[in-house]
Amino acid sequence: MSFLNSRTMTVGELKMELERFDDDMPVVLQGDYGDRINTPEVHWIKSPEEAFITRTAYSKTGWKVCFDREDRDEDAPEVVVLSFEEQY
């Protein structure tokens, strides 16, 4: 099992999990708002895209998304990114 597979789902695993839900049910992302009580904030999904992730010192996870092949590390893994709408 690769490092990424131990940290996140694969496309196949996500498809299997989503099969139990109605096809018309909306999907959102959930994240911590960052307040004292860790309010679970909703993020609206825009679309899935192919991208790369590469290490960075500027994020909580230690990873960032790269959409340009030239901006990524040579060994950066390819991933599916679910981007979210930032205008509420």
PDB file of N, CA and C in Angstrom:
ATOM      1  N   MET A   1       0.845  -1.188   0.000  1.00  0.00           N
ATOM      2  CA  MET A   1       0.000   0.000   0.000  1.00  0.00           C
ATOM      3  C   MET A   1       0.882   1.241   0.000  1.00  0.00           C
ATOM      4  N   SER A   2       0.593   2.169  -0.885  1.00  0.00           N
ATOM      5  CA  SER A   2       1.385   3.390  -0.961  1.00  0.00           C
ATOM      6  C   SER A   2       1.003   4.346   0.160  1.00  0.00           C
ATOM      7  N   PHE A   3       1.852   5.335   0.372  1.00  0.00           N
ATOM      8  CA  PHE A   3       1.589   6.355   1.387  1.00  0.00           C
ATOM      9  C   PHE A   3       0.232   7.011   1.173  1.00  0.00           C
ATOM     10  N   LEU A   4      -0.060   7.407  -0.077  1.00  0.00           N
ATOM     11  CA  LEU A   4      -1.332   8.081  -0.352  1.00  0.00           C
ATOM     12  C   LEU A   4      -2.520   7.175  -0.101  1.00  0.00           C
ATOM     13  N   ASN A   5      -2.433   5.912  -0.472  1.00  0.00           N
ATOM     14  CA  ASN A   5      -3.549   4.995  -0.272  1.00  0.00           C
ATOM     15  C   ASN A   5      -3.832   4.770   1.208  1.00  0.00           C
ATOM     16  N   SER A   6      -2.847   4.971   2.054  1.00  0.00           N
ATOM     17  CA  SER A   6      -3.083   4.828   3.486  1.00  0.00           C
ATOM     18  C   SER A   6      -3.684   6.103   4.081  1.00  0.00           C
ATOM     19  N   ARG A   7      -3.669   7.219   3.333  1.00  0.00           N
ATOM     20  CA  ARG A   7      -4.152   8.506   3.825  1.00  0.00           C
ATOM     21  C   ARG A   7      -5.492   8.929   3.223  1.00  0.00           C
ATOM     22  N   THR A   8      -5.856   8.389   2.070  1.00  0.00           N
ATOM     23  CA  THR A   8      -7.066   8.838   1.379  1.00  0.00           C
ATOM     24  C   THR A   8      -7.678   7.684   0.601  1.00  0.00           C
ATOM     25  N   MET A   9      -8.856   7.907   0.071  1.00  0.00           N
ATOM     26  CA  MET A   9      -9.550   6.881  -0.702  1.00  0.00           C
ATOM     27  C   MET A   9      -9.078   6.879  -2.145  1.00  0.00           C
ATOM     28  N   THR A  10      -9.236   5.749  -2.801  1.00  0.00           N
ATOM     29  CA  THR A  10      -9.014   5.674  -4.242  1.00  0.00           C
ATOM     30  C   THR A  10     -10.341   5.973  -4.947  1.00  0.00           C
ATOM     31  N   VAL A  11     -10.303   6.192  -6.247  1.00  0.00           N
ATOM     32  CA  VAL A  11     -11.521   6.415  -7.026  1.00  0.00           C
ATOM     33  C   VAL A  11     -12.457   5.213  -6.878  1.00  0.00           C
ATOM     34  N   GLY A  12     -11.904   4.010  -6.971  1.00  0.00           N
ATOM     35  CA  GLY A  12     -12.727   2.803  -6.846  1.00  0.00           C
ATOM     36  C   GLY A  12     -13.401   2.699  -5.487  1.00  0.00           C
ATOM     37  N   GLU A  13     -12.680   2.998  -4.416  1.00  0.00           N
ATOM     38  CA  GLU A  13     -13.266   2.953  -3.070  1.00  0.00           C
ATOM     39  C   GLU A  13     -14.369   4.005  -2.920  1.00  0.00           C
ATOM     40  N   LEU A  14     -14.143   5.188  -3.470  1.00  0.00           N
ATOM     41  CA  LEU A  14     -15.155   6.239  -3.401  1.00  0.00           C
ATOM     42  C   LEU A  14     -16.415   5.838  -4.160  1.00  0.00           C
ATOM     43  N   LYS A  15     -16.248   5.272  -5.348  1.00  0.00           N
ATOM     44  CA  LYS A  15     -17.408   4.813  -6.130  1.00  0.00           C
ATOM     45  C   LYS A  15     -18.209   3.772  -5.353  1.00  0.00           C
ATOM     46  N   MET A  16     -17.514   2.827  -4.729  1.00  0.00           N
ATOM     47  CA  MET A  16     -18.210   1.783  -3.961  1.00  0.00           C
ATOM     48  C   MET A  16     -18.988   2.388  -2.798  1.00  0.00           C
ATOM     49  N   GLU A  17     -18.402   3.333  -2.089  1.00  0.00           N
ATOM     50  CA  GLU A  17     -19.083   3.977  -0.968  1.00  0.00           C
ATOM     51  C   GLU A  17     -20.302   4.772  -1.429  1.00  0.00           C
ATOM     52  N   LEU A  18     -20.192   5.444  -2.572  1.00  0.00           N
ATOM     53  CA  LEU A  18     -21.289   6.284  -3.061  1.00  0.00           C
ATOM     54  C   LEU A  18     -22.452   5.477  -3.615  1.00  0.00           C
ATOM     55  N   GLU A  19     -22.243   4.203  -3.952  1.00  0.00           N
ATOM     56  CA  GLU A  19     -23.308   3.368  -4.509  1.00  0.00           C
ATOM     57  C   GLU A  19     -24.499   3.219  -3.575  1.00  0.00           C
ATOM     58  N   ARG A  20     -24.296   3.372  -2.285  1.00  0.00           N
ATOM     59  CA  ARG A  20     -25.395   3.172  -1.336  1.00  0.00           C
ATOM     60  C   ARG A  20     -26.316   4.387  -1.216  1.00  0.00           C
ATOM     61  N   PHE A  21     -25.954   5.490  -1.870  1.00  0.00           N
ATOM     62  CA  PHE A  21     -26.751   6.713  -1.807  1.00  0.00           C
ATOM     63  C   PHE A  21     -27.572   6.895  -3.082  1.00  0.00           C
ATOM     64  N   ASP A  22     -28.678   7.620  -2.960  1.00  0.00           N
ATOM     65  CA  ASP A  22     -29.532   7.939  -4.096  1.00  0.00           C
ATOM     66  C   ASP A  22     -28.755   8.800  -5.094  1.00  0.00           C
ATOM     67  N   ASP A  23     -28.932   8.535  -6.384  1.00  0.00           N
ATOM     68  CA  ASP A  23     -28.211   9.265  -7.436  1.00  0.00           C
ATOM     69  C   ASP A  23     -28.481  10.769  -7.435  1.00  0.00           C
ATOM     70  N   ASP A  24     -29.626  11.199  -6.935  1.00  0.00           N
ATOM     71  CA  ASP A  24     -29.980  12.619  -6.936  1.00  0.00           C
ATOM     72  C   ASP A  24     -29.571  13.352  -5.659  1.00  0.00           C
ATOM     73  N   MET A  25     -28.933  12.655  -4.726  1.00  0.00           N
ATOM     74  CA  MET A  25     -28.537  13.282  -3.464  1.00  0.00           C
ATOM     75  C   MET A  25     -27.334  14.201  -3.689  1.00  0.00           C
ATOM     76  N   PRO A  26     -27.408  15.468  -3.245  1.00  0.00           N
ATOM     77  CA  PRO A  26     -26.271  16.380  -3.401  1.00  0.00           C
ATOM     78  C   PRO A  26     -25.067  15.923  -2.578  1.00  0.00           C
ATOM     79  N   VAL A  27     -23.877  16.275  -3.044  1.00  0.00           N
ATOM     80  CA  VAL A  27     -22.634  15.928  -2.356  1.00  0.00           C
ATOM     81  C   VAL A  27     -21.912  17.221  -1.991  1.00  0.00           C
ATOM     82  N   VAL A  28     -21.424  17.312  -0.756  1.00  0.00           N
ATOM     83  CA  VAL A  28     -20.647  18.464  -0.294  1.00  0.00           C
ATOM     84  C   VAL A  28     -19.376  17.972   0.378  1.00  0.00           C
ATOM     85  N   LEU A  29     -18.421  18.864   0.536  1.00  0.00           N
ATOM     86  CA  LEU A  29     -17.237  18.581   1.330  1.00  0.00           C
ATOM     87  C   LEU A  29     -17.432  19.196   2.708  1.00  0.00           C
ATOM     88  N   GLN A  30     -16.847  18.610   3.717  1.00  0.00           N
ATOM     89  CA  GLN A  30     -16.948  19.119   5.072  1.00  0.00           C
ATOM     90  C   GLN A  30     -15.550  19.401   5.588  1.00  0.00           C
ATOM     91  N   GLY A  31     -15.374  20.547   6.215  1.00  0.00           N
ATOM     92  CA  GLY A  31     -14.092  20.897   6.809  1.00  0.00           C
ATOM     93  C   GLY A  31     -14.304  21.658   8.101  1.00  0.00           C
ATOM     94  N   ASP A  32     -13.284  21.741   8.892  1.00  0.00           N
ATOM     95  CA  ASP A  32     -13.332  22.449  10.168  1.00  0.00           C
ATOM     96  C   ASP A  32     -13.241  23.947   9.910  1.00  0.00           C
ATOM     97  N   TYR A  33     -14.207  24.709  10.393  1.00  0.00           N
ATOM     98  CA  TYR A  33     -14.249  26.154  10.206  1.00  0.00           C
ATOM     99  C   TYR A  33     -13.063  26.848  10.875  1.00  0.00           C
ATOM    100  N   GLY A  34     -12.519  26.239  11.926  1.00  0.00           N
ATOM    101  CA  GLY A  34     -11.355  26.804  12.602  1.00  0.00           C
ATOM    102  C   GLY A  34     -11.683  27.619  13.839  1.00  0.00           C
ATOM    103  N   ASP A  35     -12.938  27.589  14.266  1.00  0.00           N
ATOM    104  CA  ASP A  35     -13.295  28.309  15.485  1.00  0.00           C
ATOM    105  C   ASP A  35     -13.052  27.434  16.715  1.00  0.00           C
ATOM    106  N   ARG A  36     -13.371  27.961  17.892  1.00  0.00           N
ATOM    107  CA  ARG A  36     -13.096  27.244  19.145  1.00  0.00           C
ATOM    108  C   ARG A  36     -13.840  25.927  19.265  1.00  0.00           C
ATOM    109  N   ILE A  37     -15.022  25.840  18.672  1.00  0.00           N
ATOM    110  CA  ILE A  37     -15.805  24.605  18.819  1.00  0.00           C
ATOM    111  C   ILE A  37     -15.737  23.712  17.584  1.00  0.00           C
ATOM    112  N   ASN A  38     -14.809  24.014  16.678  1.00  0.00           N
ATOM    113  CA  ASN A  38     -14.583  23.193  15.484  1.00  0.00           C
ATOM    114  C   ASN A  38     -15.863  22.969  14.675  1.00  0.00           C
ATOM    115  N   THR A  39     -16.540  24.050  14.350  1.00  0.00           N
ATOM    116  CA  THR A  39     -17.765  23.974  13.557  1.00  0.00           C
ATOM    117  C   THR A  39     -17.502  23.269  12.228  1.00  0.00           C
ATOM    118  N   PRO A  40     -18.275  22.219  11.894  1.00  0.00           N
ATOM    119  CA  PRO A  40     -18.105  21.545  10.604  1.00  0.00           C
ATOM    120  C   PRO A  40     -18.708  22.383   9.476  1.00  0.00           C
ATOM    121  N   GLU A  41     -17.865  23.010   8.692  1.00  0.00           N
ATOM    122  CA  GLU A  41     -18.264  23.901   7.610  1.00  0.00           C
ATOM    123  C   GLU A  41     -18.509  23.121   6.318  1.00  0.00           C
ATOM    124  N   VAL A  42     -19.470  23.571   5.508  1.00  0.00           N
ATOM    125  CA  VAL A  42     -19.781  22.949   4.222  1.00  0.00           C
ATOM    126  C   VAL A  42     -19.028  23.665   3.107  1.00  0.00           C
ATOM    127  N   HIS A  43     -18.492  22.883   2.157  1.00  0.00           N
ATOM    128  CA  HIS A  43     -17.878  23.408   0.944  1.00  0.00           C
ATOM    129  C   HIS A  43     -18.615  22.796  -0.243  1.00  0.00           C
ATOM    130  N   TRP A  44     -19.007  23.629  -1.203  1.00  0.00           N
ATOM    131  CA  TRP A  44     -19.746  23.182  -2.382  1.00  0.00           C
ATOM    132  C   TRP A  44     -18.762  22.683  -3.443  1.00  0.00           C
ATOM    133  N   ILE A  45     -18.933  21.486  -3.923  1.00  0.00           N
ATOM    134  CA  ILE A  45     -18.024  20.883  -4.900  1.00  0.00           C
ATOM    135  C   ILE A  45     -18.264  21.482  -6.284  1.00  0.00           C
ATOM    136  N   LYS A  46     -17.179  21.906  -6.948  1.00  0.00           N
ATOM    137  CA  LYS A  46     -17.272  22.413  -8.317  1.00  0.00           C
ATOM    138  C   LYS A  46     -17.177  21.270  -9.309  1.00  0.00           C
ATOM    139  N   SER A  47     -16.046  20.569  -9.309  1.00  0.00           N
ATOM    140  CA  SER A  47     -15.873  19.478 -10.265  1.00  0.00           C
ATOM    141  C   SER A  47     -14.621  18.684  -9.918  1.00  0.00           C
ATOM    142  N   PRO A  48     -14.593  17.408 -10.306  1.00  0.00           N
ATOM    143  CA  PRO A  48     -13.360  16.632 -10.155  1.00  0.00           C
ATOM    144  C   PRO A  48     -12.389  16.962 -11.284  1.00  0.00           C
ATOM    145  N   GLU A  49     -11.110  17.014 -10.954  1.00  0.00           N
ATOM    146  CA  GLU A  49     -10.071  17.297 -11.941  1.00  0.00           C
ATOM    147  C   GLU A  49      -8.850  16.434 -11.651  1.00  0.00           C
ATOM    148  N   GLU A  50      -8.092  16.136 -12.688  1.00  0.00           N
ATOM    149  CA  GLU A  50      -6.816  15.460 -12.494  1.00  0.00           C
ATOM    150  C   GLU A  50      -5.767  16.505 -12.160  1.00  0.00           C
ATOM    151  N   ALA A  51      -4.899  16.179 -11.206  1.00  0.00           N
ATOM    152  CA  ALA A  51      -3.842  17.100 -10.799  1.00  0.00           C
ATOM    153  C   ALA A  51      -2.721  16.277 -10.159  1.00  0.00           C
ATOM    154  N   PHE A  52      -1.751  16.961  -9.620  1.00  0.00           N
ATOM    155  CA  PHE A  52      -0.657  16.341  -8.888  1.00  0.00           C
ATOM    156  C   PHE A  52      -0.613  16.951  -7.499  1.00  0.00           C
ATOM    157  N   ILE A  53      -0.082  16.217  -6.543  1.00  0.00           N
ATOM    158  CA  ILE A  53       0.185  16.827  -5.251  1.00  0.00           C
ATOM    159  C   ILE A  53       1.671  16.742  -4.991  1.00  0.00           C
ATOM    160  N   THR A  54       2.184  17.753  -4.326  1.00  0.00           N
ATOM    161  CA  THR A  54       3.597  17.830  -4.029  1.00  0.00           C
ATOM    162  C   THR A  54       3.777  18.415  -2.638  1.00  0.00           C
ATOM    163  N   ARG A  55       4.864  18.126  -2.009  1.00  0.00           N
ATOM    164  CA  ARG A  55       5.100  18.584  -0.638  1.00  0.00           C
ATOM    165  C   ARG A  55       5.292  20.095  -0.584  1.00  0.00           C
ATOM    166  N   THR A  56       4.859  20.669   0.533  1.00  0.00           N
ATOM    167  CA  THR A  56       5.048  22.100   0.778  1.00  0.00           C
ATOM    168  C   THR A  56       5.113  22.342   2.282  1.00  0.00           C
ATOM    169  N   ALA A  57       5.800  23.377   2.667  1.00  0.00           N
ATOM    170  CA  ALA A  57       5.871  23.756   4.080  1.00  0.00           C
ATOM    171  C   ALA A  57       4.774  24.752   4.441  1.00  0.00           C
ATOM    172  N   TYR A  58       3.940  25.128   3.477  1.00  0.00           N
ATOM    173  CA  TYR A  58       2.968  26.194   3.688  1.00  0.00           C
ATOM    174  C   TYR A  58       1.535  25.720   3.887  1.00  0.00           C
ATOM    175  N   SER A  59       1.311  24.445   4.169  1.00  0.00           N
ATOM    176  CA  SER A  59      -0.049  23.974   4.447  1.00  0.00           C
ATOM    177  C   SER A  59      -0.040  23.086   5.681  1.00  0.00           C
ATOM    178  N   LYS A  60      -1.197  22.944   6.303  1.00  0.00           N
ATOM    179  CA  LYS A  60      -1.320  22.102   7.491  1.00  0.00           C
ATOM    180  C   LYS A  60      -1.011  20.645   7.188  1.00  0.00           C
ATOM    181  N   THR A  61      -1.350  20.185   5.984  1.00  0.00           N
ATOM    182  CA  THR A  61      -1.140  18.781   5.627  1.00  0.00           C
ATOM    183  C   THR A  61       0.282  18.498   5.156  1.00  0.00           C
ATOM    184  N   GLY A  62       0.985  19.562   4.735  1.00  0.00           N
ATOM    185  CA  GLY A  62       2.314  19.373   4.172  1.00  0.00           C
ATOM    186  C   GLY A  62       2.292  19.089   2.679  1.00  0.00           C
ATOM    187  N   TRP A  63       1.115  19.202   2.051  1.00  0.00           N
ATOM    188  CA  TRP A  63       0.943  18.934   0.625  1.00  0.00           C
ATOM    189  C   TRP A  63       0.204  20.089  -0.032  1.00  0.00           C
ATOM    190  N   LYS A  64       0.446  20.294  -1.342  1.00  0.00           N
ATOM    191  CA  LYS A  64      -0.302  21.267  -2.127  1.00  0.00           C
ATOM    192  C   LYS A  64      -0.672  20.641  -3.467  1.00  0.00           C
ATOM    193  N   VAL A  65      -1.680  21.215  -4.118  1.00  0.00           N
ATOM    194  CA  VAL A  65      -2.150  20.748  -5.421  1.00  0.00           C
ATOM    195  C   VAL A  65      -1.421  21.519  -6.510  1.00  0.00           C
ATOM    196  N   CYS A  66      -0.985  20.800  -7.542  1.00  0.00           N
ATOM    197  CA  CYS A  66      -0.348  21.405  -8.715  1.00  0.00           C
ATOM    198  C   CYS A  66      -1.136  20.980  -9.944  1.00  0.00           C
ATOM    199  N   PHE A  67      -1.612  21.952 -10.712  1.00  0.00           N
ATOM    200  CA  PHE A  67      -2.334  21.628 -11.937  1.00  0.00           C
ATOM    201  C   PHE A  67      -1.395  21.626 -13.142  1.00  0.00           C
ATOM    202  N   ASP A  68      -0.275  22.315 -13.049  1.00  0.00           N
ATOM    203  CA  ASP A  68       0.722  22.329 -14.122  1.00  0.00           C
ATOM    204  C   ASP A  68       1.791  21.286 -13.860  1.00  0.00           C
ATOM    205  N   ARG A  69       2.025  20.458 -14.847  1.00  0.00           N
ATOM    206  CA  ARG A  69       3.035  19.406 -14.731  1.00  0.00           C
ATOM    207  C   ARG A  69       4.406  19.990 -14.384  1.00  0.00           C
ATOM    208  N   GLU A  70       4.691  21.185 -14.876  1.00  0.00           N
ATOM    209  CA  GLU A  70       6.001  21.813 -14.650  1.00  0.00           C
ATOM    210  C   GLU A  70       6.187  22.277 -13.204  1.00  0.00           C
ATOM    211  N   ASP A  71       5.092  22.517 -12.470  1.00  0.00           N
ATOM    212  CA  ASP A  71       5.172  23.016 -11.092  1.00  0.00           C
ATOM    213  C   ASP A  71       5.344  21.915 -10.061  1.00  0.00           C
ATOM    214  N   ARG A  72       5.233  20.685 -10.474  1.00  0.00           N
ATOM    215  CA  ARG A  72       5.239  19.578  -9.512  1.00  0.00           C
ATOM    216  C   ARG A  72       6.642  19.018  -9.321  1.00  0.00           C
ATOM    217  N   ASP A  73       6.828  18.286  -8.234  1.00  0.00           N
ATOM    218  CA  ASP A  73       8.055  17.527  -8.022  1.00  0.00           C
ATOM    219  C   ASP A  73       8.067  16.362  -9.004  1.00  0.00           C
ATOM    220  N   GLU A  74       9.224  15.897  -9.358  1.00  0.00           N
ATOM    221  CA  GLU A  74       9.350  14.824 -10.346  1.00  0.00           C
ATOM    222  C   GLU A  74       8.589  13.565  -9.943  1.00  0.00           C
ATOM    223  N   ASP A  75       8.578  13.246  -8.650  1.00  0.00           N
ATOM    224  CA  ASP A  75       7.916  12.028  -8.183  1.00  0.00           C
ATOM    225  C   ASP A  75       6.531  12.303  -7.589  1.00  0.00           C
ATOM    226  N   ALA A  76       5.958  13.474  -7.872  1.00  0.00           N
ATOM    227  CA  ALA A  76       4.651  13.834  -7.316  1.00  0.00           C
ATOM    228  C   ALA A  76       3.561  12.921  -7.872  1.00  0.00           C
ATOM    229  N   PRO A  77       2.718  12.375  -7.003  1.00  0.00           N
ATOM    230  CA  PRO A  77       1.660  11.470  -7.479  1.00  0.00           C
ATOM    231  C   PRO A  77       0.514  12.215  -8.149  1.00  0.00           C
ATOM    232  N   GLU A  78      -0.097  11.560  -9.148  1.00  0.00           N
ATOM    233  CA  GLU A  78      -1.278  12.098  -9.806  1.00  0.00           C
ATOM    234  C   GLU A  78      -2.500  11.723  -8.976  1.00  0.00           C
ATOM    235  N   VAL A  79      -3.429  12.644  -8.835  1.00  0.00           N
ATOM    236  CA  VAL A  79      -4.614  12.436  -8.000  1.00  0.00           C
ATOM    237  C   VAL A  79      -5.847  13.021  -8.685  1.00  0.00           C
ATOM    238  N   VAL A  80      -7.015  12.686  -8.163  1.00  0.00           N
ATOM    239  CA  VAL A  80      -8.261  13.348  -8.545  1.00  0.00           C
ATOM    240  C   VAL A  80      -8.557  14.364  -7.447  1.00  0.00           C
ATOM    241  N   VAL A  81      -8.740  15.625  -7.841  1.00  0.00           N
ATOM    242  CA  VAL A  81      -9.009  16.705  -6.899  1.00  0.00           C
ATOM    243  C   VAL A  81     -10.477  17.105  -7.005  1.00  0.00           C
ATOM    244  N   LEU A  82     -11.151  17.179  -5.874  1.00  0.00           N
ATOM    245  CA  LEU A  82     -12.508  17.705  -5.816  1.00  0.00           C
ATOM    246  C   LEU A  82     -12.396  19.151  -5.341  1.00  0.00           C
ATOM    247  N   SER A  83     -12.410  20.075  -6.277  1.00  0.00           N
ATOM    248  CA  SER A  83     -12.311  21.492  -5.925  1.00  0.00           C
ATOM    249  C   SER A  83     -13.640  21.966  -5.369  1.00  0.00           C
ATOM    250  N   PHE A  84     -13.580  22.998  -4.512  1.00  0.00           N
ATOM    251  CA  PHE A  84     -14.813  23.523  -3.960  1.00  0.00           C
ATOM    252  C   PHE A  84     -14.977  25.007  -4.236  1.00  0.00           C
ATOM    253  N   GLU A  85     -16.211  25.419  -4.239  1.00  0.00           N
ATOM    254  CA  GLU A  85     -16.572  26.813  -4.516  1.00  0.00           C
ATOM    255  C   GLU A  85     -16.190  27.676  -3.316  1.00  0.00           C
ATOM    256  N   GLU A  86     -15.434  28.744  -3.563  1.00  0.00           N
ATOM    257  CA  GLU A  86     -15.005  29.614  -2.473  1.00  0.00           C
ATOM    258  C   GLU A  86     -15.872  30.841  -2.317  1.00  0.00           C
ATOM    259  N   GLN A  87     -16.800  31.073  -3.236  1.00  0.00           N
ATOM    260  CA  GLN A  87     -17.725  32.194  -3.100  1.00  0.00           C
ATOM    261  C   GLN A  87     -19.031  31.673  -2.541  1.00  0.00           C
ATOM    262  N   TYR A  88     -19.423  32.215  -1.424  1.00  0.00           N
ATOM    263  CA  TYR A  88     -20.614  31.728  -0.744  1.00  0.00           C
ATOM    264  C   TYR A  88     -21.723  32.718  -0.915  1.00  0.00           C
TER     265      TYR A  88
END
